[in-house]
């Protein structure tokens, strides 16, 4: 049986380059064998996601501990008229 390592075809599906060898043996022995280099990208992404998750949990815990309060939403609803009171609501000089 001919096992191809690499095949390069042109746009008309003609073989430009082929790297292959003949194999006589069990199918189970033939296949993709993963090594460290081929799985390195996936492992790095998992590690990064794990680190970001841990940092987010730390941040949430720290904010909860310090009594972090959300900033109030000062937006005016669309169906409401804008009045002078809305414009001067956050003015510190207002008495």
C-alpha atoms as a PDB file:
ATOM      1  CA  UNK A   1       0.000   0.000   0.000  1.00  0.00           C
ATOM      2  CA  UNK A   2       1.297   3.447  -0.885  1.00  0.00           C
ATOM      3  CA  UNK A   3       1.240   5.978   1.958  1.00  0.00           C
ATOM      4  CA  UNK A   4       1.515   9.638   1.029  1.00  0.00           C
ATOM      5  CA  UNK A   5       3.329  12.056   3.341  1.00  0.00           C
ATOM      6  CA  UNK A   6       2.923  15.085   1.106  1.00  0.00           C
ATOM      7  CA  UNK A   7       1.215  15.737  -2.223  1.00  0.00           C
ATOM      8  CA  UNK A   8       1.217  19.005  -4.150  1.00  0.00           C
ATOM      9  CA  UNK A   9      -1.335  19.366  -6.945  1.00  0.00           C
ATOM     10  CA  UNK A  10      -1.793  22.147  -9.488  1.00  0.00           C
ATOM     11  CA  UNK A  11      -5.146  23.733 -10.331  1.00  0.00           C
ATOM     12  CA  UNK A  12      -5.923  20.920 -12.808  1.00  0.00           C
ATOM     13  CA  UNK A  13      -5.286  18.241 -10.150  1.00  0.00           C
ATOM     14  CA  UNK A  14      -2.025  17.099 -11.747  1.00  0.00           C
ATOM     15  CA  UNK A  15       0.634  15.934  -9.308  1.00  0.00           C
ATOM     16  CA  UNK A  16       3.528  18.379  -9.072  1.00  0.00           C
ATOM     17  CA  UNK A  17       5.259  16.776  -6.078  1.00  0.00           C
ATOM     18  CA  UNK A  18       4.631  13.641  -4.048  1.00  0.00           C
ATOM     19  CA  UNK A  19       6.421  12.214  -1.060  1.00  0.00           C
ATOM     20  CA  UNK A  20       5.316   8.660  -0.275  1.00  0.00           C
ATOM     21  CA  UNK A  21       6.444   5.224   0.842  1.00  0.00           C
ATOM     22  CA  UNK A  22       5.177   1.645   0.592  1.00  0.00           C
ATOM     23  CA  UNK A  23       3.694   0.175   3.760  1.00  0.00           C
ATOM     24  CA  UNK A  24       2.976  -3.458   4.490  1.00  0.00           C
ATOM     25  CA  UNK A  25       1.462  -3.881   7.947  1.00  0.00           C
ATOM     26  CA  UNK A  26      -1.531  -3.331  10.202  1.00  0.00           C
ATOM     27  CA  UNK A  27      -3.769  -0.319   9.711  1.00  0.00           C
ATOM     28  CA  UNK A  28      -3.664   0.444  13.434  1.00  0.00           C
ATOM     29  CA  UNK A  29       0.059   1.141  13.235  1.00  0.00           C
ATOM     30  CA  UNK A  30      -0.463   3.534  10.362  1.00  0.00           C
ATOM     31  CA  UNK A  31      -1.780   6.957  11.152  1.00  0.00           C
ATOM     32  CA  UNK A  32      -1.041  10.323  12.621  1.00  0.00           C
ATOM     33  CA  UNK A  33       1.178  10.198  15.652  1.00  0.00           C
ATOM     34  CA  UNK A  34       0.956  13.383  17.618  1.00  0.00           C
ATOM     35  CA  UNK A  35       4.036  14.816  19.189  1.00  0.00           C
ATOM     36  CA  UNK A  36       4.634  17.821  21.397  1.00  0.00           C
ATOM     37  CA  UNK A  37       5.132  20.173  18.458  1.00  0.00           C
ATOM     38  CA  UNK A  38       1.823  19.352  16.771  1.00  0.00           C
ATOM     39  CA  UNK A  39      -0.250  19.940  19.911  1.00  0.00           C
ATOM     40  CA  UNK A  40       1.712  22.909  21.261  1.00  0.00           C
ATOM     41  CA  UNK A  41      -0.704  25.562  19.925  1.00  0.00           C
ATOM     42  CA  UNK A  42      -3.771  23.946  21.474  1.00  0.00           C
ATOM     43  CA  UNK A  43      -2.003  23.507  24.815  1.00  0.00           C
ATOM     44  CA  UNK A  44      -0.901  27.157  24.840  1.00  0.00           C
ATOM     45  CA  UNK A  45      -4.466  28.333  24.114  1.00  0.00           C
ATOM     46  CA  UNK A  46      -5.843  26.164  26.946  1.00  0.00           C
ATOM     47  CA  UNK A  47      -3.183  27.499  29.304  1.00  0.00           C
ATOM     48  CA  UNK A  48      -3.975  31.113  28.360  1.00  0.00           C
ATOM     49  CA  UNK A  49      -7.730  30.563  28.843  1.00  0.00           C
ATOM     50  CA  UNK A  50      -7.099  28.973  32.239  1.00  0.00           C
ATOM     51  CA  UNK A  51      -4.868  31.881  33.299  1.00  0.00           C
ATOM     52  CA  UNK A  52      -7.444  34.488  32.157  1.00  0.00           C
ATOM     53  CA  UNK A  53     -10.220  32.634  34.006  1.00  0.00           C
ATOM     54  CA  UNK A  54      -8.152  32.557  37.191  1.00  0.00           C
ATOM     55  CA  UNK A  55      -7.368  36.297  36.887  1.00  0.00           C
ATOM     56  CA  UNK A  56     -11.054  37.123  36.322  1.00  0.00           C
ATOM     57  CA  UNK A  57     -12.016  35.129  39.421  1.00  0.00           C
ATOM     58  CA  UNK A  58      -9.328  36.942  41.448  1.00  0.00           C
ATOM     59  CA  UNK A  59     -10.564  40.331  40.224  1.00  0.00           C
ATOM     60  CA  UNK A  60     -14.188  39.480  41.044  1.00  0.00           C
ATOM     61  CA  UNK A  61     -13.213  38.265  44.512  1.00  0.00           C
ATOM     62  CA  UNK A  62     -11.142  41.393  45.174  1.00  0.00           C
ATOM     63  CA  UNK A  63     -13.949  43.697  43.992  1.00  0.00           C
ATOM     64  CA  UNK A  64     -16.498  41.873  46.148  1.00  0.00           C
ATOM     65  CA  UNK A  65     -14.199  42.097  49.144  1.00  0.00           C
ATOM     66  CA  UNK A  66     -13.556  45.828  48.742  1.00  0.00           C
ATOM     67  CA  UNK A  67     -17.248  46.608  48.287  1.00  0.00           C
ATOM     68  CA  UNK A  68     -16.998  47.670  44.670  1.00  0.00           C
ATOM     69  CA  UNK A  69     -20.113  49.542  43.561  1.00  0.00           C
ATOM     70  CA  UNK A  70     -21.271  49.974  39.993  1.00  0.00           C
ATOM     71  CA  UNK A  71     -21.586  53.458  38.565  1.00  0.00           C
ATOM     72  CA  UNK A  72     -25.185  54.575  38.139  1.00  0.00           C
ATOM     73  CA  UNK A  73     -26.550  54.707  34.629  1.00  0.00           C
ATOM     74  CA  UNK A  74     -27.285  58.377  33.869  1.00  0.00           C
ATOM     75  CA  UNK A  75     -28.906  57.848  30.484  1.00  0.00           C
ATOM     76  CA  UNK A  76     -32.269  59.398  29.768  1.00  0.00           C
ATOM     77  CA  UNK A  77     -34.948  57.146  28.273  1.00  0.00           C
ATOM     78  CA  UNK A  78     -35.867  57.920  24.653  1.00  0.00           C
ATOM     79  CA  UNK A  79     -39.541  58.594  25.372  1.00  0.00           C
ATOM     80  CA  UNK A  80     -38.785  61.159  28.103  1.00  0.00           C
ATOM     81  CA  UNK A  81     -38.357  64.905  27.462  1.00  0.00           C
ATOM     82  CA  UNK A  82     -35.020  66.467  28.365  1.00  0.00           C
ATOM     83  CA  UNK A  83     -35.515  69.207  30.939  1.00  0.00           C
ATOM     84  CA  UNK A  84     -33.198  71.654  32.645  1.00  0.00           C
ATOM     85  CA  UNK A  85     -33.277  69.400  35.691  1.00  0.00           C
ATOM     86  CA  UNK A  86     -31.742  66.570  33.618  1.00  0.00           C
ATOM     87  CA  UNK A  87     -28.942  68.844  32.441  1.00  0.00           C
ATOM     88  CA  UNK A  88     -28.074  70.152  35.920  1.00  0.00           C
ATOM     89  CA  UNK A  89     -28.643  66.931  37.865  1.00  0.00           C
ATOM     90  CA  UNK A  90     -24.924  66.186  38.465  1.00  0.00           C
ATOM     91  CA  UNK A  91     -23.862  69.775  39.048  1.00  0.00           C
ATOM     92  CA  UNK A  92     -21.993  70.025  42.401  1.00  0.00           C
ATOM     93  CA  UNK A  93     -22.789  73.780  42.676  1.00  0.00           C
ATOM     94  CA  UNK A  94     -26.513  73.063  42.676  1.00  0.00           C
ATOM     95  CA  UNK A  95     -28.170  73.896  46.024  1.00  0.00           C
END
